[in-house]
Amino acid sequence: MLKLPLCPYCGARFFYREIRKARHGTNGVCPHCGKTFRVYGRAGKMILYLISAVLLVGLNFFLISIPAMNLLFLLSVTALGVAAVRLLVPYTVRYGPL
């Protein structure tokens, strides 16, 4: 499920930073073969955000039941969870022929 996308024409694998640059547009260009392709990924990104939100809320409810838990620790756990999810977003992008 979570893997870096391939060029639909030449099959070349893209690097993480190339995907982060091209994820905002609807079209991209392969640096290997030079052909234009379509960028898909909204559904995968929304599913990733939904699953992570449910897991983070559940984790926070579990942690808040601990008597000695403070708000700063809960905030840091949530911030680390959000940062981890942001790092996984390029793995949900898919490329297709134009």
PDB file of N, CA and C in Angstrom:
ATOM      1  N   MET A   1       0.828  -1.195   0.000  1.00  0.00           N
ATOM      2  CA  MET A   1       0.000   0.000   0.000  1.00  0.00           C
ATOM      3  C   MET A   1       0.868   1.252   0.000  1.00  0.00           C
ATOM      4  N   LEU A   2       1.770   1.379   0.940  1.00  0.00           N
ATOM      5  CA  LEU A   2       2.603   2.576   1.014  1.00  0.00           C
ATOM      6  C   LEU A   2       3.933   2.307   0.320  1.00  0.00           C
ATOM      7  N   LYS A   3       4.030   2.759  -0.932  1.00  0.00           N
ATOM      8  CA  LYS A   3       5.290   2.671  -1.660  1.00  0.00           C
ATOM      9  C   LYS A   3       5.393   3.879  -2.567  1.00  0.00           C
ATOM     10  N   LEU A   4       6.604   4.214  -2.936  1.00  0.00           N
ATOM     11  CA  LEU A   4       6.819   5.354  -3.805  1.00  0.00           C
ATOM     12  C   LEU A   4       6.325   5.027  -5.207  1.00  0.00           C
ATOM     13  N   PRO A   5       5.763   6.029  -5.907  1.00  0.00           N
ATOM     14  CA  PRO A   5       5.175   5.750  -7.220  1.00  0.00           C
ATOM     15  C   PRO A   5       6.223   5.530  -8.306  1.00  0.00           C
ATOM     16  N   LEU A   6       5.763   4.883  -9.372  1.00  0.00           N
ATOM     17  CA  LEU A   6       6.588   4.625 -10.550  1.00  0.00           C
ATOM     18  C   LEU A   6       6.065   5.444 -11.717  1.00  0.00           C
ATOM     19  N   CYS A   7       6.947   5.763 -12.652  1.00  0.00           N
ATOM     20  CA  CYS A   7       6.528   6.434 -13.882  1.00  0.00           C
ATOM     21  C   CYS A   7       5.661   5.460 -14.668  1.00  0.00           C
ATOM     22  N   PRO A   8       4.486   5.892 -15.146  1.00  0.00           N
ATOM     23  CA  PRO A   8       3.626   4.969 -15.879  1.00  0.00           C
ATOM     24  C   PRO A   8       4.175   4.595 -17.255  1.00  0.00           C
ATOM     25  N   TYR A   9       5.161   5.302 -17.741  1.00  0.00           N
ATOM     26  CA  TYR A   9       5.694   5.040 -19.081  1.00  0.00           C
ATOM     27  C   TYR A   9       6.986   4.224 -19.044  1.00  0.00           C
ATOM     28  N   CYS A  10       7.974   4.657 -18.258  1.00  0.00           N
ATOM     29  CA  CYS A  10       9.265   3.961 -18.264  1.00  0.00           C
ATOM     30  C   CYS A  10       9.478   3.095 -17.021  1.00  0.00           C
ATOM     31  N   GLY A  11       8.635   3.237 -16.001  1.00  0.00           N
ATOM     32  CA  GLY A  11       8.743   2.416 -14.801  1.00  0.00           C
ATOM     33  C   GLY A  11       9.797   2.867 -13.820  1.00  0.00           C
ATOM     34  N   ALA A  12      10.351   4.056 -13.987  1.00  0.00           N
ATOM     35  CA  ALA A  12      11.387   4.561 -13.083  1.00  0.00           C
ATOM     36  C   ALA A  12      10.759   4.949 -11.745  1.00  0.00           C
ATOM     37  N   ARG A  13      11.461   4.640 -10.677  1.00  0.00           N
ATOM     38  CA  ARG A  13      10.997   4.997  -9.332  1.00  0.00           C
ATOM     39  C   ARG A  13      11.459   6.408  -9.014  1.00  0.00           C
ATOM     40  N   PHE A  14      10.570   7.188  -8.397  1.00  0.00           N
ATOM     41  CA  PHE A  14      10.860   8.568  -8.049  1.00  0.00           C
ATOM     42  C   PHE A  14      11.410   8.639  -6.634  1.00  0.00           C
ATOM     43  N   PHE A  15      12.257   9.626  -6.394  1.00  0.00           N
ATOM     44  CA  PHE A  15      12.780   9.860  -5.062  1.00  0.00           C
ATOM     45  C   PHE A  15      11.764  10.649  -4.237  1.00  0.00           C
ATOM     46  N   TYR A  16      11.924  10.580  -2.926  1.00  0.00           N
ATOM     47  CA  TYR A  16      11.000  11.216  -1.987  1.00  0.00           C
ATOM     48  C   TYR A  16      10.864  12.712  -2.256  1.00  0.00           C
ATOM     49  N   ARG A  17      11.988  13.413  -2.473  1.00  0.00           N
ATOM     50  CA  ARG A  17      11.915  14.872  -2.666  1.00  0.00           C
ATOM     51  C   ARG A  17      11.272  15.233  -4.000  1.00  0.00           C
ATOM     52  N   GLU A  18      11.413  14.397  -5.032  1.00  0.00           N
ATOM     53  CA  GLU A  18      10.750  14.656  -6.313  1.00  0.00           C
ATOM     54  C   GLU A  18       9.241  14.553  -6.173  1.00  0.00           C
ATOM     55  N   ILE A  19       8.794  13.635  -5.365  1.00  0.00           N
ATOM     56  CA  ILE A  19       7.353  13.450  -5.159  1.00  0.00           C
ATOM     57  C   ILE A  19       6.788  14.613  -4.363  1.00  0.00           C
ATOM     58  N   ARG A  20       7.516  15.090  -3.369  1.00  0.00           N
ATOM     59  CA  ARG A  20       7.044  16.224  -2.568  1.00  0.00           C
ATOM     60  C   ARG A  20       6.896  17.473  -3.423  1.00  0.00           C
ATOM     61  N   LYS A  21       7.746  17.657  -4.437  1.00  0.00           N
ATOM     62  CA  LYS A  21       7.641  18.821  -5.319  1.00  0.00           C
ATOM     63  C   LYS A  21       6.448  18.699  -6.256  1.00  0.00           C
ATOM     64  N   ALA A  22       6.162  17.496  -6.746  1.00  0.00           N
ATOM     65  CA  ALA A  22       5.133  17.307  -7.765  1.00  0.00           C
ATOM     66  C   ALA A  22       3.760  16.993  -7.195  1.00  0.00           C
ATOM     67  N   ARG A  23       3.601  16.867  -5.891  1.00  0.00           N
ATOM     68  CA  ARG A  23       2.317  16.403  -5.333  1.00  0.00           C
ATOM     69  C   ARG A  23       1.226  17.456  -5.376  1.00  0.00           C
ATOM     70  N   HIS A  24       1.582  18.741  -5.517  1.00  0.00           N
ATOM     71  CA  HIS A  24       0.561  19.784  -5.522  1.00  0.00           C
ATOM     72  C   HIS A  24      -0.070  19.973  -6.889  1.00  0.00           C
ATOM     73  N   GLY A  25       0.616  19.621  -7.935  1.00  0.00           N
ATOM     74  CA  GLY A  25       0.079  19.800  -9.279  1.00  0.00           C
ATOM     75  C   GLY A  25      -0.773  18.629  -9.708  1.00  0.00           C
ATOM     76  N   THR A  26      -1.438  18.783 -10.829  1.00  0.00           N
ATOM     77  CA  THR A  26      -2.232  17.688 -11.363  1.00  0.00           C
ATOM     78  C   THR A  26      -1.470  16.927 -12.425  1.00  0.00           C
ATOM     79  N   ASN A  27      -0.416  17.532 -12.980  1.00  0.00           N
ATOM     80  CA  ASN A  27       0.419  16.876 -13.973  1.00  0.00           C
ATOM     81  C   ASN A  27       1.869  16.980 -13.543  1.00  0.00           C
ATOM     82  N   GLY A  28       2.661  16.011 -13.967  1.00  0.00           N
ATOM     83  CA  GLY A  28       4.081  16.014 -13.673  1.00  0.00           C
ATOM     84  C   GLY A  28       4.865  15.550 -14.880  1.00  0.00           C
ATOM     85  N   VAL A  29       6.168  15.704 -14.837  1.00  0.00           N
ATOM     86  CA  VAL A  29       7.052  15.288 -15.920  1.00  0.00           C
ATOM     87  C   VAL A  29       8.092  14.342 -15.350  1.00  0.00           C
ATOM     88  N   CYS A  30       8.284  13.216 -16.006  1.00  0.00           N
ATOM     89  CA  CYS A  30       9.277  12.237 -15.571  1.00  0.00           C
ATOM     90  C   CYS A  30      10.671  12.764 -15.913  1.00  0.00           C
ATOM     91  N   PRO A  31      11.594  12.817 -14.937  1.00  0.00           N
ATOM     92  CA  PRO A  31      12.944  13.283 -15.247  1.00  0.00           C
ATOM     93  C   PRO A  31      13.759  12.267 -16.047  1.00  0.00           C
ATOM     94  N   HIS A  32      13.291  11.032 -16.125  1.00  0.00           N
ATOM     95  CA  HIS A  32      14.032   9.988 -16.825  1.00  0.00           C
ATOM     96  C   HIS A  32      13.663   9.918 -18.303  1.00  0.00           C
ATOM     97  N   CYS A  33      12.347   9.870 -18.600  1.00  0.00           N
ATOM     98  CA  CYS A  33      11.932   9.746 -20.002  1.00  0.00           C
ATOM     99  C   CYS A  33      11.359  11.046 -20.567  1.00  0.00           C
ATOM    100  N   GLY A  34      11.030  12.016 -19.720  1.00  0.00           N
ATOM    101  CA  GLY A  34      10.549  13.315 -20.192  1.00  0.00           C
ATOM    102  C   GLY A  34       9.081  13.362 -20.556  1.00  0.00           C
ATOM    103  N   LYS A  35       8.319  12.308 -20.300  1.00  0.00           N
ATOM    104  CA  LYS A  35       6.894  12.286 -20.641  1.00  0.00           C
ATOM    105  C   LYS A  35       6.061  12.858 -19.501  1.00  0.00           C
ATOM    106  N   THR A  36       4.915  13.423 -19.864  1.00  0.00           N
ATOM    107  CA  THR A  36       4.004  14.021 -18.886  1.00  0.00           C
ATOM    108  C   THR A  36       3.020  12.966 -18.401  1.00  0.00           C
ATOM    109  N   PHE A  37       2.721  12.998 -17.102  1.00  0.00           N
ATOM    110  CA  PHE A  37       1.786  12.048 -16.500  1.00  0.00           C
ATOM    111  C   PHE A  37       0.861  12.787 -15.557  1.00  0.00           C
ATOM    112  N   ARG A  38      -0.199  12.102 -15.131  1.00  0.00           N
ATOM    113  CA  ARG A  38      -1.184  12.657 -14.220  1.00  0.00           C
ATOM    114  C   ARG A  38      -0.856  12.220 -12.798  1.00  0.00           C
ATOM    115  N   VAL A  39      -1.043  13.132 -11.835  1.00  0.00           N
ATOM    116  CA  VAL A  39      -0.756  12.851 -10.428  1.00  0.00           C
ATOM    117  C   VAL A  39      -2.073  12.591  -9.704  1.00  0.00           C
ATOM    118  N   TYR A  40      -2.182  11.414  -9.091  1.00  0.00           N
ATOM    119  CA  TYR A  40      -3.345  11.040  -8.293  1.00  0.00           C
ATOM    120  C   TYR A  40      -2.908  10.902  -6.844  1.00  0.00           C
ATOM    121  N   GLY A  41      -3.828  11.024  -5.920  1.00  0.00           N
ATOM    122  CA  GLY A  41      -3.445  10.764  -4.545  1.00  0.00           C
ATOM    123  C   GLY A  41      -4.334  11.373  -3.491  1.00  0.00           C
ATOM    124  N   ARG A  42      -5.384  12.065  -3.864  1.00  0.00           N
ATOM    125  CA  ARG A  42      -6.251  12.672  -2.851  1.00  0.00           C
ATOM    126  C   ARG A  42      -6.929  11.638  -1.970  1.00  0.00           C
ATOM    127  N   ALA A  43      -7.404  10.565  -2.555  1.00  0.00           N
ATOM    128  CA  ALA A  43      -8.125   9.556  -1.774  1.00  0.00           C
ATOM    129  C   ALA A  43      -7.183   8.882  -0.774  1.00  0.00           C
ATOM    130  N   GLY A  44      -5.990   8.530  -1.211  1.00  0.00           N
ATOM    131  CA  GLY A  44      -5.031   7.897  -0.312  1.00  0.00           C
ATOM    132  C   GLY A  44      -4.617   8.815   0.821  1.00  0.00           C
ATOM    133  N   LYS A  45      -4.456  10.102   0.500  1.00  0.00           N
ATOM    134  CA  LYS A  45      -4.067  11.062   1.530  1.00  0.00           C
ATOM    135  C   LYS A  45      -5.181  11.241   2.546  1.00  0.00           C
ATOM    136  N   MET A  46      -6.420  11.299   2.092  1.00  0.00           N
ATOM    137  CA  MET A  46      -7.545  11.464   3.010  1.00  0.00           C
ATOM    138  C   MET A  46      -7.715  10.227   3.902  1.00  0.00           C
ATOM    139  N   ILE A  47      -7.516   9.050   3.348  1.00  0.00           N
ATOM    140  CA  ILE A  47      -7.604   7.822   4.154  1.00  0.00           C
ATOM    141  C   ILE A  47      -6.493   7.798   5.199  1.00  0.00           C
ATOM    142  N   LEU A  48      -5.285   8.197   4.795  1.00  0.00           N
ATOM    143  CA  LEU A  48      -4.171   8.259   5.743  1.00  0.00           C
ATOM    144  C   LEU A  48      -4.457   9.235   6.868  1.00  0.00           C
ATOM    145  N   TYR A  49      -4.973  10.416   6.542  1.00  0.00           N
ATOM    146  CA  TYR A  49      -5.300  11.407   7.572  1.00  0.00           C
ATOM    147  C   TYR A  49      -6.422  10.911   8.486  1.00  0.00           C
ATOM    148  N   LEU A  50      -7.424  10.260   7.939  1.00  0.00           N
ATOM    149  CA  LEU A  50      -8.534   9.762   8.749  1.00  0.00           C
ATOM    150  C   LEU A  50      -8.063   8.677   9.726  1.00  0.00           C
ATOM    151  N   ILE A  51      -7.297   7.726   9.234  1.00  0.00           N
ATOM    152  CA  ILE A  51      -6.803   6.655  10.101  1.00  0.00           C
ATOM    153  C   ILE A  51      -5.891   7.215  11.187  1.00  0.00           C
ATOM    154  N   SER A  52      -5.018   8.145  10.812  1.00  0.00           N
ATOM    155  CA  SER A  52      -4.106   8.705  11.808  1.00  0.00           C
ATOM    156  C   SER A  52      -4.844   9.553  12.840  1.00  0.00           C
ATOM    157  N   ALA A  53      -5.885  10.266  12.428  1.00  0.00           N
ATOM    158  CA  ALA A  53      -6.654  11.062  13.387  1.00  0.00           C
ATOM    159  C   ALA A  53      -7.334  10.162  14.407  1.00  0.00           C
ATOM    160  N   VAL A  54      -7.920   9.066  13.939  1.00  0.00           N
ATOM    161  CA  VAL A  54      -8.575   8.133  14.859  1.00  0.00           C
ATOM    162  C   VAL A  54      -7.554   7.525  15.824  1.00  0.00           C
ATOM    163  N   LEU A  55      -6.392   7.136  15.299  1.00  0.00           N
ATOM    164  CA  LEU A  55      -5.364   6.554  16.170  1.00  0.00           C
ATOM    165  C   LEU A  55      -4.819   7.564  17.171  1.00  0.00           C
ATOM    166  N   LEU A  56      -4.604   8.810  16.743  1.00  0.00           N
ATOM    167  CA  LEU A  56      -4.084   9.819  17.662  1.00  0.00           C
ATOM    168  C   LEU A  56      -5.092  10.200  18.736  1.00  0.00           C
ATOM    169  N   VAL A  57      -6.364  10.283  18.378  1.00  0.00           N
ATOM    170  CA  VAL A  57      -7.396  10.579  19.386  1.00  0.00           C
ATOM    171  C   VAL A  57      -7.491   9.432  20.383  1.00  0.00           C
ATOM    172  N   GLY A  58      -7.455   8.195  19.879  1.00  0.00           N
ATOM    173  CA  GLY A  58      -7.475   7.044  20.785  1.00  0.00           C
ATOM    174  C   GLY A  58      -6.266   7.004  21.698  1.00  0.00           C
ATOM    175  N   LEU A  59      -5.093   7.325  21.162  1.00  0.00           N
ATOM    176  CA  LEU A  59      -3.887   7.371  21.971  1.00  0.00           C
ATOM    177  C   LEU A  59      -3.974   8.461  23.038  1.00  0.00           C
ATOM    178  N   ASN A  60      -4.518   9.608  22.666  1.00  0.00           N
ATOM    179  CA  ASN A  60      -4.660  10.690  23.640  1.00  0.00           C
ATOM    180  C   ASN A  60      -5.659  10.330  24.741  1.00  0.00           C
ATOM    181  N   PHE A  61      -6.764   9.664  24.388  1.00  0.00           N
ATOM    182  CA  PHE A  61      -7.707   9.229  25.419  1.00  0.00           C
ATOM    183  C   PHE A  61      -7.080   8.204  26.352  1.00  0.00           C
ATOM    184  N   PHE A  62      -6.250   7.326  25.799  1.00  0.00           N
ATOM    185  CA  PHE A  62      -5.556   6.355  26.640  1.00  0.00           C
ATOM    186  C   PHE A  62      -4.566   7.056  27.568  1.00  0.00           C
ATOM    187  N   LEU A  63      -3.794   7.994  27.029  1.00  0.00           N
ATOM    188  CA  LEU A  63      -2.777   8.677  27.835  1.00  0.00           C
ATOM    189  C   LEU A  63      -3.391   9.591  28.888  1.00  0.00           C
ATOM    190  N   ILE A  64      -4.531  10.184  28.587  1.00  0.00           N
ATOM    191  CA  ILE A  64      -5.139  11.109  29.557  1.00  0.00           C
ATOM    192  C   ILE A  64      -5.718  10.356  30.758  1.00  0.00           C
ATOM    193  N   SER A  65      -5.920   9.058  30.608  1.00  0.00           N
ATOM    194  CA  SER A  65      -6.432   8.284  31.749  1.00  0.00           C
ATOM    195  C   SER A  65      -5.335   7.998  32.776  1.00  0.00           C
ATOM    196  N   ILE A  66      -4.093   8.223  32.421  1.00  0.00           N
ATOM    197  CA  ILE A  66      -2.990   8.041  33.365  1.00  0.00           C
ATOM    198  C   ILE A  66      -3.009   9.224  34.331  1.00  0.00           C
ATOM    199  N   PRO A  67      -3.023   8.979  35.646  1.00  0.00           N
ATOM    200  CA  PRO A  67      -3.183  10.078  36.611  1.00  0.00           C
ATOM    201  C   PRO A  67      -2.079  11.144  36.563  1.00  0.00           C
ATOM    202  N   ALA A  68      -0.838  10.766  36.300  1.00  0.00           N
ATOM    203  CA  ALA A  68       0.261  11.738  36.346  1.00  0.00           C
ATOM    204  C   ALA A  68       0.531  12.403  34.989  1.00  0.00           C
ATOM    205  N   MET A  69      -0.371  12.244  34.027  1.00  0.00           N
ATOM    206  CA  MET A  69      -0.152  12.774  32.676  1.00  0.00           C
ATOM    207  C   MET A  69      -0.386  14.281  32.657  1.00  0.00           C
ATOM    208  N   ASN A  70       0.501  15.002  31.963  1.00  0.00           N
ATOM    209  CA  ASN A  70       0.308  16.444  31.844  1.00  0.00           C
ATOM    210  C   ASN A  70       0.020  16.816  30.384  1.00  0.00           C
ATOM    211  N   LEU A  71      -0.460  18.015  30.194  1.00  0.00           N
ATOM    212  CA  LEU A  71      -0.890  18.469  28.876  1.00  0.00           C
ATOM    213  C   LEU A  71       0.285  18.636  27.919  1.00  0.00           C
ATOM    214  N   LEU A  72       1.427  19.020  28.401  1.00  0.00           N
ATOM    215  CA  LEU A  72       2.596  19.208  27.544  1.00  0.00           C
ATOM    216  C   LEU A  72       3.030  17.890  26.902  1.00  0.00           C
ATOM    217  N   PHE A  73       2.977  16.803  27.660  1.00  0.00           N
ATOM    218  CA  PHE A  73       3.325  15.502  27.096  1.00  0.00           C
ATOM    219  C   PHE A  73       2.301  15.076  26.044  1.00  0.00           C
ATOM    220  N   LEU A  74       1.018  15.288  26.318  1.00  0.00           N
ATOM    221  CA  LEU A  74      -0.021  14.963  25.329  1.00  0.00           C
ATOM    222  C   LEU A  74       0.162  15.764  24.044  1.00  0.00           C
ATOM    223  N   LEU A  75       0.490  17.027  24.192  1.00  0.00           N
ATOM    224  CA  LEU A  75       0.712  17.876  23.021  1.00  0.00           C
ATOM    225  C   LEU A  75       1.924  17.409  22.223  1.00  0.00           C
ATOM    226  N   SER A  76       2.981  17.012  22.898  1.00  0.00           N
ATOM    227  CA  SER A  76       4.169  16.549  22.184  1.00  0.00           C
ATOM    228  C   SER A  76       3.918  15.216  21.473  1.00  0.00           C
ATOM    229  N   VAL A  77       3.159  14.319  22.084  1.00  0.00           N
ATOM    230  CA  VAL A  77       2.820  13.048  21.433  1.00  0.00           C
ATOM    231  C   VAL A  77       1.977  13.309  20.187  1.00  0.00           C
ATOM    232  N   THR A  78       1.028  14.219  20.282  1.00  0.00           N
ATOM    233  CA  THR A  78       0.187  14.550  19.141  1.00  0.00           C
ATOM    234  C   THR A  78       1.004  15.213  18.029  1.00  0.00           C
ATOM    235  N   ALA A  79       1.909  16.114  18.389  1.00  0.00           N
ATOM    236  CA  ALA A  79       2.746  16.781  17.390  1.00  0.00           C
ATOM    237  C   ALA A  79       3.655  15.780  16.682  1.00  0.00           C
ATOM    238  N   LEU A  80       4.222  14.831  17.412  1.00  0.00           N
ATOM    239  CA  LEU A  80       5.047  13.803  16.784  1.00  0.00           C
ATOM    240  C   LEU A  80       4.227  12.913  15.857  1.00  0.00           C
ATOM    241  N   GLY A  81       2.996  12.607  16.244  1.00  0.00           N
ATOM    242  CA  GLY A  81       2.120  11.810  15.386  1.00  0.00           C
ATOM    243  C   GLY A  81       1.769  12.530  14.100  1.00  0.00           C
ATOM    244  N   VAL A  82       1.471  13.812  14.190  1.00  0.00           N
ATOM    245  CA  VAL A  82       1.150  14.599  12.996  1.00  0.00           C
ATOM    246  C   VAL A  82       2.371  14.709  12.096  1.00  0.00           C
ATOM    247  N   ALA A  83       3.550  14.899  12.672  1.00  0.00           N
ATOM    248  CA  ALA A  83       4.775  14.982  11.870  1.00  0.00           C
ATOM    249  C   ALA A  83       5.053  13.660  11.158  1.00  0.00           C
ATOM    250  N   ALA A  84       4.804  12.552  11.827  1.00  0.00           N
ATOM    251  CA  ALA A  84       5.014  11.245  11.200  1.00  0.00           C
ATOM    252  C   ALA A  84       4.061  11.040  10.035  1.00  0.00           C
ATOM    253  N   VAL A  85       2.838  11.477  10.189  1.00  0.00           N
ATOM    254  CA  VAL A  85       1.860  11.336   9.104  1.00  0.00           C
ATOM    255  C   VAL A  85       2.246  12.215   7.921  1.00  0.00           C
ATOM    256  N   ARG A  86       2.727  13.420   8.187  1.00  0.00           N
ATOM    257  CA  ARG A  86       3.159  14.314   7.102  1.00  0.00           C
ATOM    258  C   ARG A  86       4.307  13.691   6.309  1.00  0.00           C
ATOM    259  N   LEU A  87       5.168  12.920   6.973  1.00  0.00           N
ATOM    260  CA  LEU A  87       6.255  12.255   6.266  1.00  0.00           C
ATOM    261  C   LEU A  87       5.763  11.101   5.396  1.00  0.00           C
ATOM    262  N   LEU A  88       4.594  10.548   5.706  1.00  0.00           N
ATOM    263  CA  LEU A  88       4.050   9.423   4.933  1.00  0.00           C
ATOM    264  C   LEU A  88       3.212   9.857   3.741  1.00  0.00           C
ATOM    265  N   VAL A  89       2.871  11.124   3.625  1.00  0.00           N
ATOM    266  CA  VAL A  89       1.988  11.592   2.550  1.00  0.00           C
ATOM    267  C   VAL A  89       2.528  11.283   1.157  1.00  0.00           C
ATOM    268  N   PRO A  90       3.822  11.465   0.834  1.00  0.00           N
ATOM    269  CA  PRO A  90       4.285  11.138  -0.527  1.00  0.00           C
ATOM    270  C   PRO A  90       4.121   9.671  -0.905  1.00  0.00           C
ATOM    271  N   TYR A  91       3.997   8.795   0.066  1.00  0.00           N
ATOM    272  CA  TYR A  91       3.796   7.385  -0.236  1.00  0.00           C
ATOM    273  C   TYR A  91       2.377   7.083  -0.714  1.00  0.00           C
ATOM    274  N   THR A  92       1.462   8.041  -0.603  1.00  0.00           N
ATOM    275  CA  THR A  92       0.100   7.831  -1.073  1.00  0.00           C
ATOM    276  C   THR A  92      -0.136   8.368  -2.468  1.00  0.00           C
ATOM    277  N   VAL A  93       0.857   9.040  -3.050  1.00  0.00           N
ATOM    278  CA  VAL A  93       0.729   9.628  -4.390  1.00  0.00           C
ATOM    279  C   VAL A  93       0.903   8.529  -5.439  1.00  0.00           C
ATOM    280  N   ARG A  94       0.093   8.573  -6.482  1.00  0.00           N
ATOM    281  CA  ARG A  94       0.195   7.640  -7.597  1.00  0.00           C
ATOM    282  C   ARG A  94       0.232   8.426  -8.892  1.00  0.00           C
ATOM    283  N   TYR A  95       0.948   7.875  -9.885  1.00  0.00           N
ATOM    284  CA  TYR A  95       1.060   8.497 -11.197  1.00  0.00           C
ATOM    285  C   TYR A  95       0.362   7.614 -12.217  1.00  0.00           C
ATOM    286  N   GLY A  96      -0.328   8.250 -13.170  1.00  0.00           N
ATOM    287  CA  GLY A  96      -1.004   7.537 -14.240  1.00  0.00           C
ATOM    288  C   GLY A  96      -0.770   8.211 -15.565  1.00  0.00           C
ATOM    289  N   PRO A  97      -1.032   7.503 -16.666  1.00  0.00           N
ATOM    290  CA  PRO A  97      -0.837   8.119 -17.977  1.00  0.00           C
ATOM    291  C   PRO A  97      -1.804   9.275 -18.206  1.00  0.00           C
ATOM    292  N   LEU A  98      -1.379  10.213 -19.004  1.00  0.00           N
ATOM    293  CA  LEU A  98      -2.182  11.394 -19.283  1.00  0.00           C
ATOM    294  C   LEU A  98      -3.280  11.110 -20.271  1.00  0.00           C
TER     295      LEU A  98
END
